[in-house]
């Protein structure tokens, strides 16, 4: 991910925004080793993280 800072106000200061890389964060592999992994799939819902009350990443197990 990359970060950028946005000025909010003198009282609040700056807020950091995160931008996720568009590449898949998790690659599922086949074979016997894949049975031991607890995560089956990871989906990136939004690439820009500027609101902590929204879903940005879904993990399926």
C-alpha atoms as a PDB file:
ATOM      1  CA  UNK A   1       0.000   0.000   0.000  1.00  0.00           C
ATOM      2  CA  UNK A   2       0.938   3.646  -0.294  1.00  0.00           C
ATOM      3  CA  UNK A   3       0.003   6.478   2.025  1.00  0.00           C
ATOM      4  CA  UNK A   4      -0.795  10.156   1.645  1.00  0.00           C
ATOM      5  CA  UNK A   5      -1.596  12.753   4.267  1.00  0.00           C
ATOM      6  CA  UNK A   6      -4.538  15.153   4.068  1.00  0.00           C
ATOM      7  CA  UNK A   7      -4.767  18.260   6.231  1.00  0.00           C
ATOM      8  CA  UNK A   8      -8.044  18.335   8.186  1.00  0.00           C
ATOM      9  CA  UNK A   9      -7.786  21.365  10.482  1.00  0.00           C
ATOM     10  CA  UNK A  10      -5.492  23.017  12.962  1.00  0.00           C
ATOM     11  CA  UNK A  11      -7.191  21.183  15.839  1.00  0.00           C
ATOM     12  CA  UNK A  12      -7.209  17.763  14.168  1.00  0.00           C
ATOM     13  CA  UNK A  13      -4.038  17.987  12.136  1.00  0.00           C
ATOM     14  CA  UNK A  14      -3.519  15.462   9.356  1.00  0.00           C
ATOM     15  CA  UNK A  15      -5.302  12.277   8.383  1.00  0.00           C
ATOM     16  CA  UNK A  16      -3.485   9.442   6.606  1.00  0.00           C
ATOM     17  CA  UNK A  17      -5.154   7.873   3.565  1.00  0.00           C
ATOM     18  CA  UNK A  18      -4.116   4.398   2.431  1.00  0.00           C
ATOM     19  CA  UNK A  19      -4.226   3.159  -1.160  1.00  0.00           C
ATOM     20  CA  UNK A  20      -4.057  -0.607  -1.536  1.00  0.00           C
ATOM     21  CA  UNK A  21      -2.138  -2.247  -4.350  1.00  0.00           C
ATOM     22  CA  UNK A  22      -4.536  -3.634  -6.987  1.00  0.00           C
ATOM     23  CA  UNK A  23      -2.642  -6.949  -7.153  1.00  0.00           C
ATOM     24  CA  UNK A  24      -4.327  -9.831  -5.328  1.00  0.00           C
ATOM     25  CA  UNK A  25      -3.138  -9.853  -1.698  1.00  0.00           C
ATOM     26  CA  UNK A  26      -3.492 -13.631  -1.468  1.00  0.00           C
ATOM     27  CA  UNK A  27      -2.844 -16.335  -4.053  1.00  0.00           C
ATOM     28  CA  UNK A  28      -4.545 -19.691  -3.491  1.00  0.00           C
ATOM     29  CA  UNK A  29      -2.402 -22.673  -4.430  1.00  0.00           C
ATOM     30  CA  UNK A  30      -3.552 -26.196  -5.144  1.00  0.00           C
ATOM     31  CA  UNK A  31      -2.057 -29.337  -3.680  1.00  0.00           C
ATOM     32  CA  UNK A  32      -1.624 -30.925  -0.238  1.00  0.00           C
ATOM     33  CA  UNK A  33      -0.082 -27.785   1.267  1.00  0.00           C
ATOM     34  CA  UNK A  34      -3.225 -25.794   0.448  1.00  0.00           C
ATOM     35  CA  UNK A  35      -5.268 -27.928   2.892  1.00  0.00           C
ATOM     36  CA  UNK A  36      -3.376 -26.449   5.844  1.00  0.00           C
ATOM     37  CA  UNK A  37      -4.159 -22.835   4.952  1.00  0.00           C
ATOM     38  CA  UNK A  38      -7.088 -21.342   6.858  1.00  0.00           C
ATOM     39  CA  UNK A  39      -7.773 -18.567   4.328  1.00  0.00           C
ATOM     40  CA  UNK A  40      -9.431 -19.761   1.145  1.00  0.00           C
ATOM     41  CA  UNK A  41      -9.854 -16.431  -0.634  1.00  0.00           C
ATOM     42  CA  UNK A  42      -9.141 -12.743  -0.098  1.00  0.00           C
ATOM     43  CA  UNK A  43     -11.067 -10.117  -2.066  1.00  0.00           C
ATOM     44  CA  UNK A  44     -10.121  -6.467  -2.246  1.00  0.00           C
ATOM     45  CA  UNK A  45     -13.398  -4.512  -2.052  1.00  0.00           C
ATOM     46  CA  UNK A  46     -12.025  -0.961  -2.225  1.00  0.00           C
ATOM     47  CA  UNK A  47      -8.522   0.239  -3.036  1.00  0.00           C
ATOM     48  CA  UNK A  48      -8.713   3.584  -1.207  1.00  0.00           C
ATOM     49  CA  UNK A  49      -9.006   3.450   2.561  1.00  0.00           C
ATOM     50  CA  UNK A  50     -10.247   6.810   3.767  1.00  0.00           C
ATOM     51  CA  UNK A  51     -13.152   5.704   5.975  1.00  0.00           C
ATOM     52  CA  UNK A  52     -12.539   3.143   8.718  1.00  0.00           C
ATOM     53  CA  UNK A  53     -16.264   2.304   8.924  1.00  0.00           C
ATOM     54  CA  UNK A  54     -16.368   0.639   5.466  1.00  0.00           C
ATOM     55  CA  UNK A  55     -15.317  -2.822   4.353  1.00  0.00           C
ATOM     56  CA  UNK A  56     -12.138  -2.759   2.300  1.00  0.00           C
ATOM     57  CA  UNK A  57     -11.003  -6.376   2.382  1.00  0.00           C
ATOM     58  CA  UNK A  58     -13.008  -9.610   2.620  1.00  0.00           C
ATOM     59  CA  UNK A  59     -11.403 -12.813   3.891  1.00  0.00           C
ATOM     60  CA  UNK A  60     -13.116 -16.156   3.294  1.00  0.00           C
ATOM     61  CA  UNK A  61     -12.195 -19.302   5.210  1.00  0.00           C
END
